[in-house]
Amino acid sequence: MLINREVSPVLIKASPNSTFDILLQRAQKEGRIGGKHRCGVCGMTHQSEGEALACCAKLRDKQR
């Protein structure tokens, strides 16, 4: 939504439910942001150690 250009040429977000916000909330809920356990290959964080170990297991196995 664009407000009146005479007042200000600033774009204002019409809805707080943008795709970015939804994906960010989902990633935080799943632990991919702010999780306690980190994948050793890609560095993504997870809620559990098992999820972190399984994250890039296929890549890790190919490197060996």
PDB file of N, CA and C in Angstrom:
ATOM      1  N   MET A   1       0.855  -1.169   0.000  1.00  0.00           N
ATOM      2  CA  MET A   1       0.000   0.000   0.000  1.00  0.00           C
ATOM      3  C   MET A   1       0.899   1.230   0.000  1.00  0.00           C
ATOM      4  N   LEU A   2       0.690   2.129  -0.918  1.00  0.00           N
ATOM      5  CA  LEU A   2       1.497   3.337  -1.028  1.00  0.00           C
ATOM      6  C   LEU A   2       0.726   4.502  -0.431  1.00  0.00           C
ATOM      7  N   ILE A   3       1.348   5.205   0.509  1.00  0.00           N
ATOM      8  CA  ILE A   3       0.668   6.367   1.079  1.00  0.00           C
ATOM      9  C   ILE A   3       0.847   7.557   0.145  1.00  0.00           C
ATOM     10  N   ASN A   4       0.163   8.638   0.402  1.00  0.00           N
ATOM     11  CA  ASN A   4       0.171   9.833  -0.432  1.00  0.00           C
ATOM     12  C   ASN A   4       1.599  10.330  -0.649  1.00  0.00           C
ATOM     13  N   ARG A   5       2.011  10.472  -1.904  1.00  0.00           N
ATOM     14  CA  ARG A   5       3.378  10.898  -2.227  1.00  0.00           C
ATOM     15  C   ARG A   5       3.661  12.328  -1.759  1.00  0.00           C
ATOM     16  N   GLU A   6       2.623  13.150  -1.613  1.00  0.00           N
ATOM     17  CA  GLU A   6       2.841  14.511  -1.135  1.00  0.00           C
ATOM     18  C   GLU A   6       3.289  14.499   0.319  1.00  0.00           C
ATOM     19  N   VAL A   7       2.820  13.522   1.072  1.00  0.00           N
ATOM     20  CA  VAL A   7       3.187  13.421   2.481  1.00  0.00           C
ATOM     21  C   VAL A   7       4.540  12.733   2.617  1.00  0.00           C
ATOM     22  N   SER A   8       4.683  11.575   1.971  1.00  0.00           N
ATOM     23  CA  SER A   8       5.919  10.806   2.070  1.00  0.00           C
ATOM     24  C   SER A   8       5.948   9.749   0.973  1.00  0.00           C
ATOM     25  N   PRO A   9       7.103   9.514   0.354  1.00  0.00           N
ATOM     26  CA  PRO A   9       7.200   8.487  -0.692  1.00  0.00           C
ATOM     27  C   PRO A   9       7.526   7.097  -0.128  1.00  0.00           C
ATOM     28  N   VAL A  10       7.046   6.807   1.056  1.00  0.00           N
ATOM     29  CA  VAL A  10       7.389   5.562   1.732  1.00  0.00           C
ATOM     30  C   VAL A  10       6.323   4.504   1.492  1.00  0.00           C
ATOM     31  N   LEU A  11       6.762   3.285   1.200  1.00  0.00           N
ATOM     32  CA  LEU A  11       5.831   2.166   1.083  1.00  0.00           C
ATOM     33  C   LEU A  11       5.541   1.620   2.469  1.00  0.00           C
ATOM     34  N   ILE A  12       4.276   1.330   2.713  1.00  0.00           N
ATOM     35  CA  ILE A  12       3.863   0.782   3.998  1.00  0.00           C
ATOM     36  C   ILE A  12       3.319  -0.620   3.758  1.00  0.00           C
ATOM     37  N   LYS A  13       3.782  -1.581   4.554  1.00  0.00           N
ATOM     38  CA  LYS A  13       3.326  -2.959   4.415  1.00  0.00           C
ATOM     39  C   LYS A  13       1.848  -3.027   4.786  1.00  0.00           C
ATOM     40  N   ALA A  14       1.032  -3.554   3.884  1.00  0.00           N
ATOM     41  CA  ALA A  14      -0.411  -3.587   4.092  1.00  0.00           C
ATOM     42  C   ALA A  14      -0.818  -4.631   5.120  1.00  0.00           C
ATOM     43  N   SER A  15      -0.106  -5.745   5.158  1.00  0.00           N
ATOM     44  CA  SER A  15      -0.505  -6.829   6.039  1.00  0.00           C
ATOM     45  C   SER A  15       0.716  -7.387   6.765  1.00  0.00           C
ATOM     46  N   PRO A  16       0.611  -7.629   8.057  1.00  0.00           N
ATOM     47  CA  PRO A  16       1.747  -8.204   8.777  1.00  0.00           C
ATOM     48  C   PRO A  16       1.929  -9.690   8.465  1.00  0.00           C
ATOM     49  N   ASN A  17       1.013 -10.300   7.740  1.00  0.00           N
ATOM     50  CA  ASN A  17       1.080 -11.721   7.423  1.00  0.00           C
ATOM     51  C   ASN A  17       1.756 -11.963   6.080  1.00  0.00           C
ATOM     52  N   SER A  18       2.902 -11.338   5.866  1.00  0.00           N
ATOM     53  CA  SER A  18       3.618 -11.555   4.623  1.00  0.00           C
ATOM     54  C   SER A  18       4.260 -12.937   4.642  1.00  0.00           C
ATOM     55  N   THR A  19       4.636 -13.410   3.485  1.00  0.00           N
ATOM     56  CA  THR A  19       5.259 -14.731   3.372  1.00  0.00           C
ATOM     57  C   THR A  19       6.518 -14.811   4.219  1.00  0.00           C
ATOM     58  N   PHE A  20       7.327 -13.762   4.220  1.00  0.00           N
ATOM     59  CA  PHE A  20       8.554 -13.758   5.014  1.00  0.00           C
ATOM     60  C   PHE A  20       8.252 -13.956   6.489  1.00  0.00           C
ATOM     61  N   ASP A  21       7.273 -13.229   7.001  1.00  0.00           N
ATOM     62  CA  ASP A  21       6.933 -13.343   8.422  1.00  0.00           C
ATOM     63  C   ASP A  21       6.442 -14.746   8.766  1.00  0.00           C
ATOM     64  N   ILE A  22       5.648 -15.331   7.885  1.00  0.00           N
ATOM     65  CA  ILE A  22       5.130 -16.676   8.121  1.00  0.00           C
ATOM     66  C   ILE A  22       6.267 -17.690   8.125  1.00  0.00           C
ATOM     67  N   LEU A  23       7.170 -17.598   7.145  1.00  0.00           N
ATOM     68  CA  LEU A  23       8.296 -18.533   7.081  1.00  0.00           C
ATOM     69  C   LEU A  23       9.248 -18.344   8.254  1.00  0.00           C
ATOM     70  N   LEU A  24       9.447 -17.109   8.687  1.00  0.00           N
ATOM     71  CA  LEU A  24      10.311 -16.844   9.832  1.00  0.00           C
ATOM     72  C   LEU A  24       9.725 -17.444  11.104  1.00  0.00           C
ATOM     73  N   GLN A  25       8.441 -17.272  11.317  1.00  0.00           N
ATOM     74  CA  GLN A  25       7.796 -17.855  12.501  1.00  0.00           C
ATOM     75  C   GLN A  25       7.863 -19.376  12.474  1.00  0.00           C
ATOM     76  N   ARG A  26       7.681 -19.977  11.298  1.00  0.00           N
ATOM     77  CA  ARG A  26       7.748 -21.433  11.184  1.00  0.00           C
ATOM     78  C   ARG A  26       9.166 -21.933  11.493  1.00  0.00           C
ATOM     79  N   ALA A  27      10.170 -21.246  10.972  1.00  0.00           N
ATOM     80  CA  ALA A  27      11.558 -21.646  11.228  1.00  0.00           C
ATOM     81  C   ALA A  27      11.905 -21.519  12.706  1.00  0.00           C
ATOM     82  N   GLN A  28      11.417 -20.471  13.355  1.00  0.00           N
ATOM     83  CA  GLN A  28      11.675 -20.317  14.786  1.00  0.00           C
ATOM     84  C   GLN A  28      10.980 -21.411  15.584  1.00  0.00           C
ATOM     85  N   LYS A  29       9.755 -21.757  15.206  1.00  0.00           N
ATOM     86  CA  LYS A  29       9.005 -22.794  15.915  1.00  0.00           C
ATOM     87  C   LYS A  29       9.673 -24.159  15.753  1.00  0.00           C
ATOM     88  N   GLU A  30      10.210 -24.437  14.553  1.00  0.00           N
ATOM     89  CA  GLU A  30      10.854 -25.719  14.284  1.00  0.00           C
ATOM     90  C   GLU A  30      12.275 -25.776  14.831  1.00  0.00           C
ATOM     91  N   GLY A  31      12.788 -24.656  15.317  1.00  0.00           N
ATOM     92  CA  GLY A  31      14.118 -24.646  15.901  1.00  0.00           C
ATOM     93  C   GLY A  31      15.235 -24.393  14.912  1.00  0.00           C
ATOM     94  N   ARG A  32      14.896 -24.100  13.660  1.00  0.00           N
ATOM     95  CA  ARG A  32      15.938 -23.831  12.672  1.00  0.00           C
ATOM     96  C   ARG A  32      16.584 -22.477  12.899  1.00  0.00           C
ATOM     97  N   ILE A  33      15.944 -21.644  13.683  1.00  0.00           N
ATOM     98  CA  ILE A  33      16.520 -20.371  14.112  1.00  0.00           C
ATOM     99  C   ILE A  33      16.456 -20.362  15.626  1.00  0.00           C
ATOM    100  N   GLY A  34      17.583 -20.290  16.258  1.00  0.00           N
ATOM    101  CA  GLY A  34      17.611 -20.242  17.712  1.00  0.00           C
ATOM    102  C   GLY A  34      17.563 -21.601  18.385  1.00  0.00           C
ATOM    103  N   GLY A  35      17.735 -22.687  17.618  1.00  0.00           N
ATOM    104  CA  GLY A  35      17.772 -24.016  18.216  1.00  0.00           C
ATOM    105  C   GLY A  35      19.081 -24.223  18.975  1.00  0.00           C
ATOM    106  N   LYS A  36      19.105 -25.185  19.869  1.00  0.00           N
ATOM    107  CA  LYS A  36      20.280 -25.408  20.715  1.00  0.00           C
ATOM    108  C   LYS A  36      21.312 -26.328  20.074  1.00  0.00           C
ATOM    109  N   HIS A  37      20.921 -27.102  19.062  1.00  0.00           N
ATOM    110  CA  HIS A  37      21.822 -28.094  18.472  1.00  0.00           C
ATOM    111  C   HIS A  37      22.111 -27.718  17.022  1.00  0.00           C
ATOM    112  N   ARG A  38      23.397 -27.664  16.664  1.00  0.00           N
ATOM    113  CA  ARG A  38      23.823 -27.197  15.347  1.00  0.00           C
ATOM    114  C   ARG A  38      24.295 -28.362  14.478  1.00  0.00           C
ATOM    115  N   CYS A  39      23.903 -28.341  13.196  1.00  0.00           N
ATOM    116  CA  CYS A  39      24.376 -29.325  12.220  1.00  0.00           C
ATOM    117  C   CYS A  39      25.852 -29.051  11.954  1.00  0.00           C
ATOM    118  N   GLY A  40      26.660 -30.100  11.942  1.00  0.00           N
ATOM    119  CA  GLY A  40      28.096 -29.940  11.723  1.00  0.00           C
ATOM    120  C   GLY A  40      28.473 -29.619  10.294  1.00  0.00           C
ATOM    121  N   VAL A  41      27.566 -29.815   9.340  1.00  0.00           N
ATOM    122  CA  VAL A  41      27.867 -29.578   7.932  1.00  0.00           C
ATOM    123  C   VAL A  41      27.414 -28.186   7.493  1.00  0.00           C
ATOM    124  N   CYS A  42      26.128 -27.885   7.665  1.00  0.00           N
ATOM    125  CA  CYS A  42      25.592 -26.616   7.150  1.00  0.00           C
ATOM    126  C   CYS A  42      25.449 -25.536   8.217  1.00  0.00           C
ATOM    127  N   GLY A  43      25.462 -25.933   9.497  1.00  0.00           N
ATOM    128  CA  GLY A  43      25.366 -24.956  10.572  1.00  0.00           C
ATOM    129  C   GLY A  43      23.955 -24.587  10.987  1.00  0.00           C
ATOM    130  N   MET A  44      22.945 -25.194  10.354  1.00  0.00           N
ATOM    131  CA  MET A  44      21.565 -24.900  10.728  1.00  0.00           C
ATOM    132  C   MET A  44      21.299 -25.438  12.133  1.00  0.00           C
ATOM    133  N   THR A  45      20.533 -24.700  12.915  1.00  0.00           N
ATOM    134  CA  THR A  45      20.245 -25.136  14.276  1.00  0.00           C
ATOM    135  C   THR A  45      18.939 -25.912  14.333  1.00  0.00           C
ATOM    136  N   HIS A  46      18.859 -26.833  15.304  1.00  0.00           N
ATOM    137  CA  HIS A  46      17.685 -27.698  15.468  1.00  0.00           C
ATOM    138  C   HIS A  46      17.354 -27.809  16.942  1.00  0.00           C
ATOM    139  N   GLN A  47      16.131 -28.275  17.243  1.00  0.00           N
ATOM    140  CA  GLN A  47      15.683 -28.436  18.625  1.00  0.00           C
ATOM    141  C   GLN A  47      16.336 -29.632  19.304  1.00  0.00           C
ATOM    142  N   SER A  48      16.605 -30.719  18.556  1.00  0.00           N
ATOM    143  CA  SER A  48      17.180 -31.915  19.176  1.00  0.00           C
ATOM    144  C   SER A  48      18.496 -32.286  18.493  1.00  0.00           C
ATOM    145  N   GLU A  49      19.317 -33.027  19.215  1.00  0.00           N
ATOM    146  CA  GLU A  49      20.604 -33.460  18.672  1.00  0.00           C
ATOM    147  C   GLU A  49      20.404 -34.436  17.513  1.00  0.00           C
ATOM    148  N   GLY A  50      19.380 -35.284  17.599  1.00  0.00           N
ATOM    149  CA  GLY A  50      19.086 -36.231  16.527  1.00  0.00           C
ATOM    150  C   GLY A  50      18.739 -35.543  15.218  1.00  0.00           C
ATOM    151  N   GLU A  51      17.955 -34.480  15.294  1.00  0.00           N
ATOM    152  CA  GLU A  51      17.612 -33.720  14.090  1.00  0.00           C
ATOM    153  C   GLU A  51      18.850 -33.067  13.500  1.00  0.00           C
ATOM    154  N   ALA A  52      19.735 -32.568  14.349  1.00  0.00           N
ATOM    155  CA  ALA A  52      20.964 -31.929  13.877  1.00  0.00           C
ATOM    156  C   ALA A  52      21.874 -32.946  13.192  1.00  0.00           C
ATOM    157  N   LEU A  53      21.979 -34.152  13.745  1.00  0.00           N
ATOM    158  CA  LEU A  53      22.814 -35.189  13.137  1.00  0.00           C
ATOM    159  C   LEU A  53      22.223 -35.688  11.820  1.00  0.00           C
ATOM    160  N   ALA A  54      20.900 -35.722  11.718  1.00  0.00           N
ATOM    161  CA  ALA A  54      20.239 -36.207  10.507  1.00  0.00           C
ATOM    162  C   ALA A  54      20.139 -35.143   9.415  1.00  0.00           C
ATOM    163  N   CYS A  55      20.405 -33.894   9.746  1.00  0.00           N
ATOM    164  CA  CYS A  55      20.204 -32.774   8.821  1.00  0.00           C
ATOM    165  C   CYS A  55      20.933 -32.995   7.493  1.00  0.00           C
ATOM    166  N   CYS A  56      22.220 -33.177   7.518  1.00  0.00           N
ATOM    167  CA  CYS A  56      23.016 -33.343   6.300  1.00  0.00           C
ATOM    168  C   CYS A  56      23.716 -34.696   6.296  1.00  0.00           C
ATOM    169  N   ALA A  57      23.049 -35.717   6.798  1.00  0.00           N
ATOM    170  CA  ALA A  57      23.650 -37.050   6.894  1.00  0.00           C
ATOM    171  C   ALA A  57      24.065 -37.573   5.524  1.00  0.00           C
ATOM    172  N   LYS A  58      23.258 -37.332   4.488  1.00  0.00           N
ATOM    173  CA  LYS A  58      23.604 -37.811   3.150  1.00  0.00           C
ATOM    174  C   LYS A  58      24.875 -37.138   2.647  1.00  0.00           C
ATOM    175  N   LEU A  59      25.014 -35.841   2.861  1.00  0.00           N
ATOM    176  CA  LEU A  59      26.231 -35.142   2.447  1.00  0.00           C
ATOM    177  C   LEU A  59      27.437 -35.629   3.236  1.00  0.00           C
ATOM    178  N   ARG A  60      27.252 -35.818   4.516  1.00  0.00           N
ATOM    179  CA  ARG A  60      28.330 -36.273   5.384  1.00  0.00           C
ATOM    180  C   ARG A  60      28.807 -37.660   4.961  1.00  0.00           C
ATOM    181  N   ASP A  61      27.870 -38.542   4.610  1.00  0.00           N
ATOM    182  CA  ASP A  61      28.222 -39.898   4.185  1.00  0.00           C
ATOM    183  C   ASP A  61      28.964 -39.899   2.855  1.00  0.00           C
ATOM    184  N   LYS A  62      28.600 -38.992   1.932  1.00  0.00           N
ATOM    185  CA  LYS A  62      29.284 -38.909   0.638  1.00  0.00           C
ATOM    186  C   LYS A  62      30.712 -38.405   0.789  1.00  0.00           C
ATOM    187  N   GLN A  63      30.970 -37.556   1.776  1.00  0.00           N
ATOM    188  CA  GLN A  63      32.305 -36.998   1.974  1.00  0.00           C
ATOM    189  C   GLN A  63      33.287 -38.040   2.488  1.00  0.00           C
ATOM    190  N   ARG A  64      32.792 -39.096   3.098  1.00  0.00           N
ATOM    191  CA  ARG A  64      33.679 -40.128   3.664  1.00  0.00           C
ATOM    192  C   ARG A  64      34.158 -41.092   2.654  1.00  0.00           C
TER     193      ARG A  64
END
